[in-house]
Amino acid sequence: MNLQAARVVLRPRTPSEIFDLAFRFCAAVALPLYLRLAALVLVPCLALCGYVHAITDGEWPTVWCCAIGLAAFAQSVFTVAASRLLFAARPGVLSIIGHSLRRLPALLGALLIHSLLLSVGGLILIGAFFVWVWHTFVYEAVLLEQQGPIAALRRASALVKHKFGAALVTCTASTVVVAMGVVSGELLLGGLVEGVLQLGKPFGDLWEYGGSAYALVGFFAALPLVATARFLAYIDGRTRQDGWDIQLRFMAIAAASEETTP
């Protein structure tokens, strides 16, 4: 475990502090691990989106649906990675991906039920808004607390109880981060290819076609930051509600069990 040597002070934080900490965590503590995971997870996701774009003759709505679906698994990998970094100086990449894959059926089940509730909530004025916020920590409930689909949704709602405002900020800020990633990818990479290299627009244009390879790169690049910020917000909530020492024991047991599983 690297708890004593951790560069993250475990104390209650404001939402703005959490996202600032998440950025510094990704850029320093987690960078080597996240780069390896990106090569194994995010690059194949990007390639699969490119394949979908090719076989659908450039149907960007379909490509974006594929990207959003793949983002569910990608976020789960980085959520597990962030939790493991609190206990191991060098958590195993294959162990992280393996844990995410084993919990993927439960996660997909929880997300499917969540989507159905969103659809039903949308029929009741702003019901979808409340469902969206109530299930902020469904990833953590499934991946870190080993909950089943329905139990995970209940647990996520319980975690948000009495912290609706903070959960709302987490959800909104995460959405803004992803949107900024998409726009930044389009402006930076698209500007480099078109303006500096003078190659035109060989990989699409977000503003003209509704999508581009650059926007997809920005979309997937934002996911590690979003997953890390949400995990830190989850830890903040557990610190306030249960005390950090209790949460430490649960996560340490889960990590130790995972490492000893053949």
Protein backbone atom coordinates (compact mmCIF):
# COMPACT_ATOMS: atom_id res chain seq x y z
CA MET A 1 0.00 0.00 0.00
CA ASN A 2 1.13 3.55 -0.63
CA LEU A 3 -1.31 5.26 1.77
CA GLN A 4 1.32 6.98 3.89
CA ALA A 5 3.23 8.08 0.81
CA ALA A 6 0.15 9.18 -1.10
CA ARG A 7 0.12 12.68 -2.48
CA VAL A 8 -3.62 12.92 -1.85
CA VAL A 9 -4.68 14.29 1.53
CA LEU A 10 -7.78 12.38 2.62
CA ARG A 11 -10.10 15.08 3.93
CA PRO A 12 -13.48 16.61 3.02
CA ARG A 13 -13.22 18.84 -0.06
CA THR A 14 -15.40 21.17 -2.10
CA PRO A 15 -16.36 20.11 -5.67
CA SER A 16 -13.95 22.65 -7.15
CA GLU A 17 -11.11 21.27 -5.02
CA ILE A 18 -12.01 17.74 -6.10
CA PHE A 19 -11.69 18.53 -9.82
CA ASP A 20 -8.48 20.47 -9.24
CA LEU A 21 -7.09 17.50 -7.32
CA ALA A 22 -8.28 15.10 -10.04
CA PHE A 23 -6.38 17.05 -12.70
CA ARG A 24 -3.17 17.03 -10.64
CA PHE A 25 -3.68 13.36 -9.78
CA CYS A 26 -3.97 12.45 -13.49
CA ALA A 27 -1.00 14.60 -14.48
CA ALA A 28 1.35 13.33 -11.78
CA VAL A 29 0.49 10.33 -9.61
CA ALA A 30 -1.52 8.38 -12.20
CA LEU A 31 0.14 9.46 -15.44
CA PRO A 32 2.36 6.38 -16.10
CA LEU A 33 -0.45 3.94 -15.31
CA TYR A 34 -3.05 5.93 -17.22
CA LEU A 35 -0.85 6.07 -20.32
CA ARG A 36 -0.52 2.27 -20.33
CA LEU A 37 -4.24 1.84 -19.82
CA ALA A 38 -4.96 4.36 -22.56
CA ALA A 39 -2.86 2.34 -25.00
CA LEU A 40 -4.71 -0.87 -24.07
CA VAL A 41 -8.23 0.53 -23.73
CA LEU A 42 -8.73 3.96 -25.27
CA VAL A 43 -6.79 3.38 -28.49
CA PRO A 44 -8.80 0.22 -29.36
CA CYS A 45 -12.02 2.11 -28.55
CA LEU A 46 -10.97 4.86 -30.93
CA ALA A 47 -10.08 2.31 -33.61
CA LEU A 48 -13.46 0.60 -33.22
CA CYS A 49 -15.21 3.95 -33.67
CA GLY A 50 -13.18 4.46 -36.84
CA TYR A 51 -14.32 1.07 -38.08
CA VAL A 52 -17.95 1.94 -37.37
CA HIS A 53 -17.48 5.21 -39.24
CA ALA A 54 -16.10 3.31 -42.23
CA ILE A 55 -18.86 0.69 -42.45
CA THR A 56 -21.65 3.24 -41.96
CA ASP A 57 -20.30 5.62 -44.64
CA GLY A 58 -19.70 8.42 -42.18
CA GLU A 59 -22.90 8.27 -40.11
CA TRP A 60 -21.65 10.31 -37.17
CA PRO A 61 -24.74 9.81 -34.94
CA THR A 62 -24.05 6.07 -35.08
CA VAL A 63 -20.36 6.63 -34.39
CA TRP A 64 -21.12 8.79 -31.37
CA CYS A 65 -23.53 6.17 -30.01
CA CYS A 66 -20.73 3.63 -30.33
CA ALA A 67 -18.30 5.97 -28.56
CA ILE A 68 -20.70 6.58 -25.68
CA GLY A 69 -21.24 2.84 -25.29
CA LEU A 70 -17.51 2.16 -25.24
CA ALA A 71 -17.04 4.98 -22.74
CA ALA A 72 -18.93 2.89 -20.16
CA PHE A 73 -16.18 0.27 -20.13
CA ALA A 74 -13.38 2.82 -20.48
CA GLN A 75 -14.57 4.77 -17.44
CA SER A 76 -14.81 1.58 -15.41
CA VAL A 77 -11.15 0.79 -16.09
CA PHE A 78 -9.96 4.20 -14.90
CA THR A 79 -12.27 4.12 -11.88
CA VAL A 80 -10.68 0.85 -10.75
CA ALA A 81 -7.22 2.21 -11.56
CA ALA A 82 -7.74 5.33 -9.43
CA SER A 83 -8.88 3.21 -6.48
CA ARG A 84 -5.93 0.84 -6.81
CA LEU A 85 -3.43 3.70 -6.84
CA LEU A 86 -4.38 4.49 -3.26
CA PHE A 87 -3.10 1.11 -2.13
CA ALA A 88 -0.39 -0.05 -4.52
CA ALA A 89 2.55 1.90 -5.87
CA ARG A 90 2.42 -0.15 -9.07
CA PRO A 91 -1.01 -1.72 -9.52
CA GLY A 92 -1.18 -4.38 -12.21
CA VAL A 93 -2.60 -3.22 -15.53
CA LEU A 94 -4.01 -6.65 -16.40
CA SER A 95 -5.50 -6.98 -12.93
CA ILE A 96 -7.30 -3.65 -13.34
CA ILE A 97 -8.67 -4.56 -16.77
CA GLY A 98 -9.61 -8.03 -15.57
CA HIS A 99 -11.58 -6.66 -12.63
CA SER A 100 -13.38 -4.21 -14.94
CA LEU A 101 -14.30 -7.03 -17.33
CA ARG A 102 -15.61 -9.23 -14.54
CA ARG A 103 -17.82 -6.44 -13.25
CA LEU A 104 -18.89 -5.35 -16.74
CA PRO A 105 -22.13 -7.43 -16.85
CA ALA A 106 -23.30 -5.91 -13.56
CA LEU A 107 -22.27 -2.44 -14.73
CA LEU A 108 -24.09 -2.79 -18.05
CA GLY A 109 -27.18 -4.05 -16.20
CA ALA A 110 -27.10 -1.05 -13.87
CA LEU A 111 -26.59 1.37 -16.75
CA LEU A 112 -29.44 -0.24 -18.72
CA ILE A 113 -31.84 0.15 -15.78
CA HIS A 114 -30.53 3.69 -15.29
CA SER A 115 -31.29 4.48 -18.95
CA LEU A 116 -34.81 3.09 -18.63
CA LEU A 117 -35.39 5.20 -15.54
CA LEU A 118 -34.07 8.23 -17.40
CA SER A 119 -36.55 7.58 -20.21
CA VAL A 120 -39.44 7.22 -17.77
CA GLY A 121 -38.27 10.25 -15.81
CA GLY A 122 -38.23 12.30 -18.98
CA LEU A 123 -41.99 11.85 -19.21
CA ILE A 124 -42.46 13.45 -15.79
CA LEU A 125 -41.19 16.96 -16.40
CA ILE A 126 -37.71 17.07 -14.80
CA GLY A 127 -37.75 13.50 -13.52
CA ALA A 128 -34.81 12.54 -15.74
CA PHE A 129 -32.75 15.30 -14.15
CA PHE A 130 -33.18 13.83 -10.67
CA VAL A 131 -32.48 10.28 -11.90
CA TRP A 132 -29.29 11.51 -13.56
CA VAL A 133 -28.01 13.08 -10.34
CA TRP A 134 -29.19 10.30 -7.99
CA HIS A 135 -27.12 7.74 -9.87
CA THR A 136 -23.90 9.75 -9.97
CA PHE A 137 -21.86 7.05 -8.22
CA VAL A 138 -23.27 3.95 -9.90
CA TYR A 139 -19.80 3.06 -11.26
CA GLU A 140 -18.30 3.12 -7.78
CA ALA A 141 -21.19 1.09 -6.33
CA VAL A 142 -20.74 -1.64 -8.95
CA LEU A 143 -16.96 -1.69 -9.27
CA LEU A 144 -15.71 -0.86 -5.78
CA GLU A 145 -18.53 -2.05 -3.54
CA GLN A 146 -19.31 -5.15 -5.63
CA GLN A 147 -23.05 -4.39 -5.86
CA GLY A 148 -25.45 -5.97 -8.35
CA PRO A 149 -27.36 -3.79 -10.87
CA ILE A 150 -30.41 -2.94 -8.76
CA ALA A 151 -28.49 -2.80 -5.49
CA ALA A 152 -25.93 -0.51 -7.13
CA LEU A 153 -28.60 1.99 -8.13
CA ARG A 154 -30.00 1.97 -4.62
CA ARG A 155 -26.52 2.37 -3.17
CA ALA A 156 -25.74 5.24 -5.56
CA SER A 157 -28.92 7.01 -4.46
CA ALA A 158 -27.97 6.51 -0.81
CA LEU A 159 -24.53 8.01 -1.44
CA VAL A 160 -26.14 11.13 -2.93
CA LYS A 161 -28.60 11.51 -0.06
CA HIS A 162 -27.98 14.81 1.78
CA LYS A 163 -25.34 15.66 -0.89
CA PHE A 164 -27.56 16.38 -3.88
CA GLY A 165 -25.90 19.72 -4.60
CA ALA A 166 -22.40 18.25 -4.62
CA ALA A 167 -23.55 15.37 -6.84
CA LEU A 168 -25.17 17.85 -9.22
CA VAL A 169 -21.92 19.79 -9.48
CA THR A 170 -20.00 16.55 -10.10
CA CYS A 171 -22.38 15.50 -12.90
CA THR A 172 -22.44 18.94 -14.51
CA ALA A 173 -18.69 19.45 -14.29
CA SER A 174 -18.07 15.98 -15.75
CA THR A 175 -20.31 16.81 -18.70
CA VAL A 176 -18.51 20.10 -19.21
CA VAL A 177 -15.11 18.35 -19.08
CA VAL A 178 -16.17 15.87 -21.79
CA ALA A 179 -17.58 18.69 -23.95
CA MET A 180 -14.36 20.66 -23.52
CA GLY A 181 -12.38 17.57 -24.48
CA VAL A 182 -14.37 17.19 -27.70
CA VAL A 183 -14.02 20.86 -28.64
CA SER A 184 -10.34 21.00 -27.64
CA GLY A 185 -9.56 17.91 -29.70
CA GLU A 186 -11.26 19.45 -32.71
CA LEU A 187 -9.56 22.83 -32.38
CA LEU A 188 -6.07 21.62 -31.48
CA LEU A 189 -5.67 18.51 -33.62
CA GLY A 190 -7.84 19.81 -36.45
CA GLY A 191 -5.96 23.09 -36.46
CA LEU A 192 -2.64 21.23 -36.53
CA VAL A 193 -3.61 19.06 -39.49
CA GLU A 194 -5.40 21.76 -41.48
CA GLY A 195 -3.50 24.90 -40.55
CA VAL A 196 0.04 23.75 -39.82
CA LEU A 197 0.42 20.66 -42.00
CA GLN A 198 -1.87 22.06 -44.72
CA LEU A 199 -3.59 18.69 -45.27
CA GLY A 200 -7.17 19.95 -45.34
CA LYS A 201 -9.86 17.97 -43.49
CA PRO A 202 -9.11 14.29 -44.13
CA PHE A 203 -10.63 13.14 -40.82
CA GLY A 204 -13.89 15.05 -40.83
CA ASP A 205 -15.03 18.30 -39.27
CA LEU A 206 -17.07 18.56 -36.07
CA TRP A 207 -18.86 21.74 -37.08
CA GLU A 208 -19.65 20.63 -40.62
CA TYR A 209 -20.35 16.89 -40.31
CA GLY A 210 -21.21 16.52 -36.63
CA GLY A 211 -18.05 14.62 -35.78
CA SER A 212 -14.38 14.05 -36.54
CA ALA A 213 -11.50 11.86 -35.51
CA TYR A 214 -10.08 14.81 -33.56
CA ALA A 215 -13.30 15.21 -31.56
CA LEU A 216 -13.29 11.49 -30.78
CA VAL A 217 -9.72 11.71 -29.51
CA GLY A 218 -10.72 14.57 -27.23
CA PHE A 219 -13.79 12.64 -26.05
CA PHE A 220 -11.84 9.56 -25.00
CA ALA A 221 -8.96 11.63 -23.59
CA ALA A 222 -11.38 13.32 -21.17
CA LEU A 223 -12.65 10.04 -19.69
CA PRO A 224 -9.73 9.36 -17.30
CA LEU A 225 -10.15 12.81 -15.74
CA VAL A 226 -13.92 12.37 -15.42
CA ALA A 227 -13.57 8.92 -13.85
CA THR A 228 -10.90 10.14 -11.42
CA ALA A 229 -12.90 13.21 -10.37
CA ARG A 230 -16.02 11.13 -9.77
CA PHE A 231 -14.01 8.60 -7.73
CA LEU A 232 -12.54 11.37 -5.59
CA ALA A 233 -16.02 12.82 -5.09
CA TYR A 234 -17.16 9.36 -4.01
CA ILE A 235 -14.26 9.15 -1.54
CA ASP A 236 -15.17 12.59 -0.25
CA GLY A 237 -18.71 11.41 0.41
CA ARG A 238 -17.56 8.24 2.16
CA THR A 239 -15.10 10.26 4.24
CA ARG A 240 -17.91 12.49 5.46
CA GLN A 241 -20.48 9.72 6.02
CA ASP A 242 -18.54 6.70 7.26
CA GLY A 243 -15.06 7.85 8.17
CA TRP A 244 -12.05 7.16 5.99
CA ASP A 245 -10.72 4.33 8.13
CA ILE A 246 -13.82 2.23 7.41
CA GLN A 247 -13.63 2.86 3.69
CA LEU A 248 -9.94 2.00 3.71
CA ARG A 249 -10.67 -1.45 5.08
CA PHE A 250 -13.35 -2.21 2.50
CA MET A 251 -11.18 -1.16 -0.44
CA ALA A 252 -8.04 -2.82 0.92
CA ILE A 253 -9.90 -6.12 1.33
CA ALA A 254 -11.26 -5.86 -2.23
CA ALA A 255 -7.81 -5.06 -3.63
CA ALA A 256 -6.12 -7.88 -1.69
CA SER A 257 -8.79 -10.36 -2.78
CA GLU A 258 -8.34 -9.33 -6.40
CA GLU A 259 -4.55 -9.70 -6.27
CA THR A 260 -4.76 -13.23 -4.79
CA THR A 261 -7.39 -14.49 -7.23
CA PRO A 262 -5.73 -16.97 -9.60
